[in-house]
N, C-alpha and C. Protein backbone atom coordinates (compact mmCIF):
# COMPACT_ATOMS: atom_id res chain seq x y z
N MET A 1 0.84 -1.19 0.00
CA MET A 1 0.00 0.00 0.00
C MET A 1 0.88 1.25 0.00
N GLU A 2 0.55 2.18 -0.86
CA GLU A 2 1.35 3.40 -0.95
C GLU A 2 1.18 4.25 0.32
N ASP A 3 1.99 5.26 0.45
CA ASP A 3 1.95 6.14 1.62
C ASP A 3 0.79 7.13 1.46
N LYS A 4 -0.35 6.74 1.96
CA LYS A 4 -1.58 7.52 1.79
C LYS A 4 -1.55 8.84 2.55
N LYS A 5 -0.76 8.91 3.61
CA LYS A 5 -0.79 10.14 4.41
C LYS A 5 -0.28 11.36 3.64
N LYS A 6 0.39 11.12 2.50
CA LYS A 6 0.83 12.24 1.65
C LYS A 6 -0.36 13.02 1.10
N ILE A 7 -1.52 12.37 1.04
CA ILE A 7 -2.74 13.02 0.55
C ILE A 7 -3.24 14.07 1.54
N LEU A 8 -3.01 13.83 2.83
CA LEU A 8 -3.56 14.69 3.88
C LEU A 8 -2.87 16.05 3.94
N GLU A 9 -3.68 17.09 4.05
CA GLU A 9 -3.18 18.46 4.21
C GLU A 9 -3.70 19.01 5.53
N VAL A 10 -2.95 19.95 6.08
CA VAL A 10 -3.32 20.57 7.35
C VAL A 10 -3.27 22.09 7.21
N PHE A 11 -3.87 22.75 8.18
CA PHE A 11 -3.78 24.20 8.28
C PHE A 11 -3.61 24.58 9.74
N ASP A 12 -3.13 25.78 9.99
CA ASP A 12 -2.88 26.24 11.36
C ASP A 12 -4.17 26.39 12.14
N ASN A 13 -4.15 25.88 13.35
CA ASN A 13 -5.26 26.06 14.28
C ASN A 13 -5.25 27.52 14.75
N GLN A 14 -6.34 28.21 14.56
CA GLN A 14 -6.42 29.62 14.95
C GLN A 14 -6.63 29.82 16.45
N PHE A 15 -6.93 28.74 17.19
CA PHE A 15 -7.17 28.84 18.63
C PHE A 15 -6.39 27.75 19.39
N PRO A 16 -5.07 27.72 19.24
CA PRO A 16 -4.29 26.63 19.86
C PRO A 16 -4.25 26.69 21.39
N GLU A 17 -4.61 27.82 21.96
CA GLU A 17 -4.61 27.95 23.42
C GLU A 17 -5.83 27.30 24.06
N ARG A 18 -6.81 26.89 23.25
CA ARG A 18 -8.08 26.39 23.76
C ARG A 18 -8.29 24.94 23.33
N ASP A 19 -8.80 24.14 24.26
CA ASP A 19 -9.24 22.80 23.89
C ASP A 19 -10.65 22.89 23.31
N TYR A 20 -10.84 22.37 22.12
CA TYR A 20 -12.17 22.25 21.53
C TYR A 20 -12.17 21.00 20.67
N THR A 21 -13.34 20.45 20.45
CA THR A 21 -13.47 19.19 19.73
C THR A 21 -13.96 19.42 18.32
N VAL A 22 -13.31 18.74 17.38
CA VAL A 22 -13.71 18.75 15.98
C VAL A 22 -14.19 17.33 15.65
N ILE A 23 -15.37 17.24 15.02
CA ILE A 23 -15.91 15.94 14.62
C ILE A 23 -16.23 15.98 13.13
N HIS A 24 -15.62 15.08 12.38
CA HIS A 24 -15.90 14.94 10.95
C HIS A 24 -16.51 13.55 10.75
N THR A 25 -17.59 13.49 9.98
CA THR A 25 -18.26 12.21 9.71
C THR A 25 -18.26 11.96 8.21
N ALA A 26 -17.79 10.79 7.83
CA ALA A 26 -17.74 10.38 6.42
C ALA A 26 -18.62 9.13 6.27
N PRO A 27 -19.87 9.31 5.81
CA PRO A 27 -20.81 8.18 5.77
C PRO A 27 -20.67 7.26 4.55
N GLU A 28 -19.71 7.53 3.66
CA GLU A 28 -19.61 6.75 2.43
C GLU A 28 -18.26 6.07 2.27
N PHE A 29 -17.63 5.68 3.38
CA PHE A 29 -16.34 5.01 3.30
C PHE A 29 -16.51 3.62 2.70
N THR A 30 -15.57 3.25 1.84
CA THR A 30 -15.58 1.93 1.21
C THR A 30 -14.15 1.39 1.14
N SER A 31 -14.02 0.12 1.48
CA SER A 31 -12.79 -0.63 1.25
C SER A 31 -13.21 -2.02 0.79
N LEU A 32 -12.26 -2.91 0.60
CA LEU A 32 -12.58 -4.26 0.15
C LEU A 32 -12.21 -5.28 1.22
N CYS A 33 -13.03 -6.31 1.33
CA CYS A 33 -12.69 -7.43 2.20
C CYS A 33 -11.50 -8.17 1.59
N PRO A 34 -10.42 -8.35 2.36
CA PRO A 34 -9.24 -9.02 1.80
C PRO A 34 -9.47 -10.52 1.55
N LYS A 35 -10.49 -11.10 2.14
CA LYS A 35 -10.79 -12.53 1.95
C LYS A 35 -11.64 -12.77 0.71
N THR A 36 -12.71 -11.94 0.53
CA THR A 36 -13.68 -12.19 -0.53
C THR A 36 -13.58 -11.22 -1.70
N GLY A 37 -12.93 -10.06 -1.47
CA GLY A 37 -12.88 -9.03 -2.50
C GLY A 37 -14.16 -8.22 -2.61
N GLN A 38 -15.13 -8.53 -1.75
CA GLN A 38 -16.40 -7.81 -1.75
C GLN A 38 -16.23 -6.46 -1.05
N PRO A 39 -17.03 -5.46 -1.44
CA PRO A 39 -16.90 -4.14 -0.81
C PRO A 39 -17.42 -4.14 0.63
N ASP A 40 -16.73 -3.40 1.47
CA ASP A 40 -17.17 -3.14 2.84
C ASP A 40 -17.52 -1.65 2.92
N PHE A 41 -18.67 -1.35 3.49
CA PHE A 41 -19.14 0.03 3.59
C PHE A 41 -19.18 0.43 5.06
N ALA A 42 -18.79 1.67 5.33
CA ALA A 42 -18.75 2.12 6.72
C ALA A 42 -18.98 3.62 6.81
N THR A 43 -19.36 4.04 8.00
CA THR A 43 -19.33 5.45 8.37
C THR A 43 -18.11 5.63 9.26
N ILE A 44 -17.24 6.54 8.87
CA ILE A 44 -16.03 6.82 9.65
C ILE A 44 -16.22 8.16 10.36
N ARG A 45 -16.03 8.17 11.67
CA ARG A 45 -16.08 9.41 12.45
C ARG A 45 -14.70 9.71 13.00
N VAL A 46 -14.22 10.90 12.68
CA VAL A 46 -12.93 11.39 13.16
C VAL A 46 -13.24 12.47 14.19
N GLU A 47 -12.84 12.23 15.42
CA GLU A 47 -13.06 13.22 16.50
C GLU A 47 -11.70 13.55 17.09
N TYR A 48 -11.41 14.84 17.18
CA TYR A 48 -10.10 15.20 17.72
C TYR A 48 -10.10 16.56 18.39
N ILE A 49 -9.11 16.74 19.27
CA ILE A 49 -8.81 18.03 19.88
C ILE A 49 -7.50 18.48 19.25
N PRO A 50 -7.56 19.50 18.40
CA PRO A 50 -6.33 19.92 17.70
C PRO A 50 -5.34 20.58 18.65
N ASP A 51 -4.09 20.53 18.27
CA ASP A 51 -3.05 21.29 18.97
C ASP A 51 -2.70 22.48 18.07
N LYS A 52 -1.68 22.36 17.26
CA LYS A 52 -1.30 23.47 16.39
C LYS A 52 -1.88 23.36 14.98
N LEU A 53 -2.35 22.16 14.62
CA LEU A 53 -2.80 21.92 13.24
C LEU A 53 -4.19 21.28 13.21
N CYS A 54 -4.90 21.56 12.11
CA CYS A 54 -6.20 20.93 11.82
C CYS A 54 -6.11 20.26 10.46
N VAL A 55 -6.88 19.19 10.28
CA VAL A 55 -6.89 18.51 8.98
C VAL A 55 -7.83 19.25 8.02
N GLU A 56 -7.39 19.39 6.78
CA GLU A 56 -8.19 20.06 5.75
C GLU A 56 -9.18 19.03 5.18
N LEU A 57 -10.46 19.44 5.05
CA LEU A 57 -11.53 18.49 4.74
C LEU A 57 -11.45 17.85 3.36
N LYS A 58 -11.13 18.60 2.33
CA LYS A 58 -11.06 17.99 1.00
C LYS A 58 -9.98 16.91 0.97
N SER A 59 -8.84 17.18 1.61
CA SER A 59 -7.78 16.18 1.64
C SER A 59 -8.19 14.97 2.46
N LEU A 60 -8.96 15.18 3.53
CA LEU A 60 -9.47 14.06 4.33
C LEU A 60 -10.39 13.19 3.48
N LYS A 61 -11.27 13.83 2.70
CA LYS A 61 -12.17 13.09 1.83
C LYS A 61 -11.39 12.28 0.81
N LEU A 62 -10.39 12.89 0.17
CA LEU A 62 -9.59 12.18 -0.82
C LEU A 62 -8.80 11.04 -0.18
N TYR A 63 -8.29 11.28 1.02
CA TYR A 63 -7.56 10.24 1.76
C TYR A 63 -8.47 9.04 2.03
N LEU A 64 -9.66 9.29 2.57
CA LEU A 64 -10.58 8.20 2.88
C LEU A 64 -11.01 7.47 1.60
N ASN A 65 -11.24 8.22 0.53
CA ASN A 65 -11.63 7.60 -0.75
C ASN A 65 -10.52 6.73 -1.34
N SER A 66 -9.28 6.98 -0.93
CA SER A 66 -8.15 6.23 -1.50
C SER A 66 -8.16 4.76 -1.05
N TYR A 67 -8.99 4.41 -0.07
CA TYR A 67 -9.09 3.03 0.39
C TYR A 67 -10.08 2.21 -0.43
N ARG A 68 -10.77 2.83 -1.35
CA ARG A 68 -11.86 2.21 -2.09
C ARG A 68 -11.49 0.88 -2.75
N SER A 69 -10.29 0.74 -3.23
CA SER A 69 -9.91 -0.50 -3.92
C SER A 69 -8.87 -1.31 -3.13
N ASP A 70 -8.72 -1.01 -1.86
CA ASP A 70 -7.74 -1.72 -1.02
C ASP A 70 -8.40 -2.86 -0.25
N GLY A 71 -7.79 -4.03 -0.31
CA GLY A 71 -8.21 -5.15 0.52
C GLY A 71 -7.59 -5.01 1.90
N ILE A 72 -8.41 -4.72 2.91
CA ILE A 72 -7.88 -4.45 4.25
C ILE A 72 -8.97 -4.77 5.28
N PHE A 73 -8.56 -5.40 6.38
CA PHE A 73 -9.51 -5.74 7.44
C PHE A 73 -9.98 -4.48 8.17
N TYR A 74 -11.18 -4.56 8.75
CA TYR A 74 -11.78 -3.43 9.48
C TYR A 74 -10.82 -2.86 10.52
N GLU A 75 -10.26 -3.75 11.32
CA GLU A 75 -9.39 -3.33 12.42
C GLU A 75 -8.15 -2.62 11.89
N SER A 76 -7.61 -3.15 10.82
CA SER A 76 -6.40 -2.57 10.25
C SER A 76 -6.64 -1.19 9.66
N VAL A 77 -7.71 -1.04 8.89
CA VAL A 77 -7.96 0.25 8.26
C VAL A 77 -8.27 1.32 9.30
N THR A 78 -9.00 0.96 10.35
CA THR A 78 -9.34 1.93 11.39
C THR A 78 -8.08 2.42 12.10
N ASN A 79 -7.19 1.50 12.45
CA ASN A 79 -5.95 1.89 13.12
C ASN A 79 -4.99 2.61 12.18
N LYS A 80 -4.98 2.25 10.90
CA LYS A 80 -4.13 2.95 9.92
C LYS A 80 -4.58 4.40 9.76
N ILE A 81 -5.89 4.61 9.70
CA ILE A 81 -6.42 5.98 9.59
C ILE A 81 -5.98 6.79 10.81
N LEU A 82 -6.10 6.22 12.00
CA LEU A 82 -5.67 6.94 13.21
C LEU A 82 -4.17 7.24 13.14
N ASN A 83 -3.36 6.26 12.82
CA ASN A 83 -1.91 6.48 12.77
C ASN A 83 -1.54 7.60 11.81
N ASP A 84 -2.13 7.57 10.61
CA ASP A 84 -1.80 8.58 9.60
C ASP A 84 -2.25 9.97 10.04
N LEU A 85 -3.46 10.09 10.57
CA LEU A 85 -3.95 11.41 10.99
C LEU A 85 -3.16 11.96 12.17
N VAL A 86 -2.81 11.10 13.12
CA VAL A 86 -2.00 11.55 14.26
C VAL A 86 -0.63 12.03 13.78
N GLU A 87 -0.02 11.30 12.87
CA GLU A 87 1.30 11.69 12.37
C GLU A 87 1.26 13.05 11.66
N VAL A 88 0.20 13.30 10.91
CA VAL A 88 0.11 14.53 10.13
C VAL A 88 -0.39 15.71 10.98
N CYS A 89 -1.38 15.48 11.83
CA CYS A 89 -2.02 16.58 12.59
C CYS A 89 -1.40 16.83 13.96
N LYS A 90 -0.81 15.79 14.55
CA LYS A 90 -0.24 15.89 15.90
C LYS A 90 -1.25 16.49 16.90
N PRO A 91 -2.43 15.88 17.01
CA PRO A 91 -3.47 16.43 17.89
C PRO A 91 -3.18 16.16 19.36
N ARG A 92 -3.93 16.82 20.23
CA ARG A 92 -3.88 16.52 21.66
C ARG A 92 -4.60 15.21 21.96
N TYR A 93 -5.65 14.96 21.19
CA TYR A 93 -6.46 13.75 21.34
C TYR A 93 -7.12 13.46 20.01
N MET A 94 -7.27 12.16 19.70
CA MET A 94 -8.01 11.78 18.50
C MET A 94 -8.64 10.41 18.71
N GLN A 95 -9.86 10.27 18.20
CA GLN A 95 -10.55 8.98 18.20
C GLN A 95 -11.12 8.75 16.81
N ILE A 96 -10.98 7.54 16.32
CA ILE A 96 -11.59 7.12 15.07
C ILE A 96 -12.62 6.04 15.41
N VAL A 97 -13.84 6.23 14.94
CA VAL A 97 -14.89 5.22 15.09
C VAL A 97 -15.32 4.82 13.68
N ALA A 98 -15.21 3.54 13.39
CA ALA A 98 -15.62 3.01 12.09
C ALA A 98 -16.81 2.07 12.32
N GLU A 99 -17.96 2.46 11.80
CA GLU A 99 -19.18 1.66 11.92
C GLU A 99 -19.43 0.99 10.57
N PHE A 100 -19.08 -0.29 10.49
CA PHE A 100 -19.23 -1.03 9.24
C PHE A 100 -20.63 -1.60 9.11
N ASN A 101 -21.17 -1.54 7.90
CA ASN A 101 -22.51 -2.05 7.62
C ASN A 101 -22.55 -3.56 7.81
N VAL A 102 -23.76 -4.07 7.95
CA VAL A 102 -23.98 -5.50 8.12
C VAL A 102 -23.47 -6.25 6.89
N ARG A 103 -22.69 -7.30 7.16
CA ARG A 103 -22.26 -8.22 6.10
C ARG A 103 -22.22 -9.60 6.71
N GLY A 104 -22.91 -10.54 6.11
CA GLY A 104 -22.99 -11.89 6.65
C GLY A 104 -23.74 -11.95 7.96
N GLY A 105 -24.65 -11.00 8.17
CA GLY A 105 -25.47 -10.98 9.37
C GLY A 105 -24.81 -10.34 10.58
N ILE A 106 -23.63 -9.76 10.42
CA ILE A 106 -22.91 -9.16 11.54
C ILE A 106 -22.49 -7.74 11.17
N SER A 107 -22.76 -6.80 12.07
CA SER A 107 -22.21 -5.45 11.91
C SER A 107 -21.06 -5.30 12.89
N SER A 108 -20.14 -4.42 12.56
CA SER A 108 -18.94 -4.24 13.40
C SER A 108 -18.68 -2.77 13.62
N VAL A 109 -18.27 -2.43 14.84
CA VAL A 109 -17.84 -1.07 15.18
C VAL A 109 -16.44 -1.18 15.74
N ILE A 110 -15.52 -0.44 15.14
CA ILE A 110 -14.13 -0.43 15.59
C ILE A 110 -13.83 0.97 16.11
N LYS A 111 -13.30 1.07 17.33
CA LYS A 111 -12.91 2.35 17.92
C LYS A 111 -11.45 2.28 18.30
N THR A 112 -10.73 3.33 17.98
CA THR A 112 -9.33 3.42 18.39
C THR A 112 -9.04 4.88 18.73
N GLU A 113 -8.13 5.10 19.68
CA GLU A 113 -7.87 6.47 20.09
C GLU A 113 -6.41 6.71 20.42
N TYR A 114 -6.07 7.98 20.38
CA TYR A 114 -4.73 8.45 20.69
C TYR A 114 -4.87 9.58 21.71
N LYS A 115 -4.01 9.54 22.72
CA LYS A 115 -3.94 10.63 23.72
C LYS A 115 -2.49 11.09 23.80
N LYS A 116 -2.27 12.40 23.71
CA LYS A 116 -0.93 12.95 23.77
C LYS A 116 -0.40 12.86 25.19
C-alpha cells in the first residue's frame, strides 16, 4: 500500500490555546474485504482536539476515498487511519470510530484512540 498520508493536508489552528473538539463524519467510506474481494461500507467518524494543526476536509475526503480498492480488514484500516492522521495533525487527542454495515449478518464497530 502506498503512503496515503501524503494526501492529507493541514492548516494552522487559529485557537491553539483552547481545547475544543472537531468531529468529521464520512458516511460513504468503502474498502474491500481481503478474503472475498467484496466491498465493505462504513461510516467513519474522526473526532479530535487539535493542537497546532487541523486537517483540511477535502484532503481528508480524498484520503478516505483512497481506500476504495484496497483489501484491508476493518481493524487494520481503522488503526491505519488513526496512525496517519495523528502523524500529520499531531493532535492533543483523537478517536476514530468506524461503523461497518452488516455483512454476513454481523455489523462491526471499531474504535481506536490516541492521547498525547
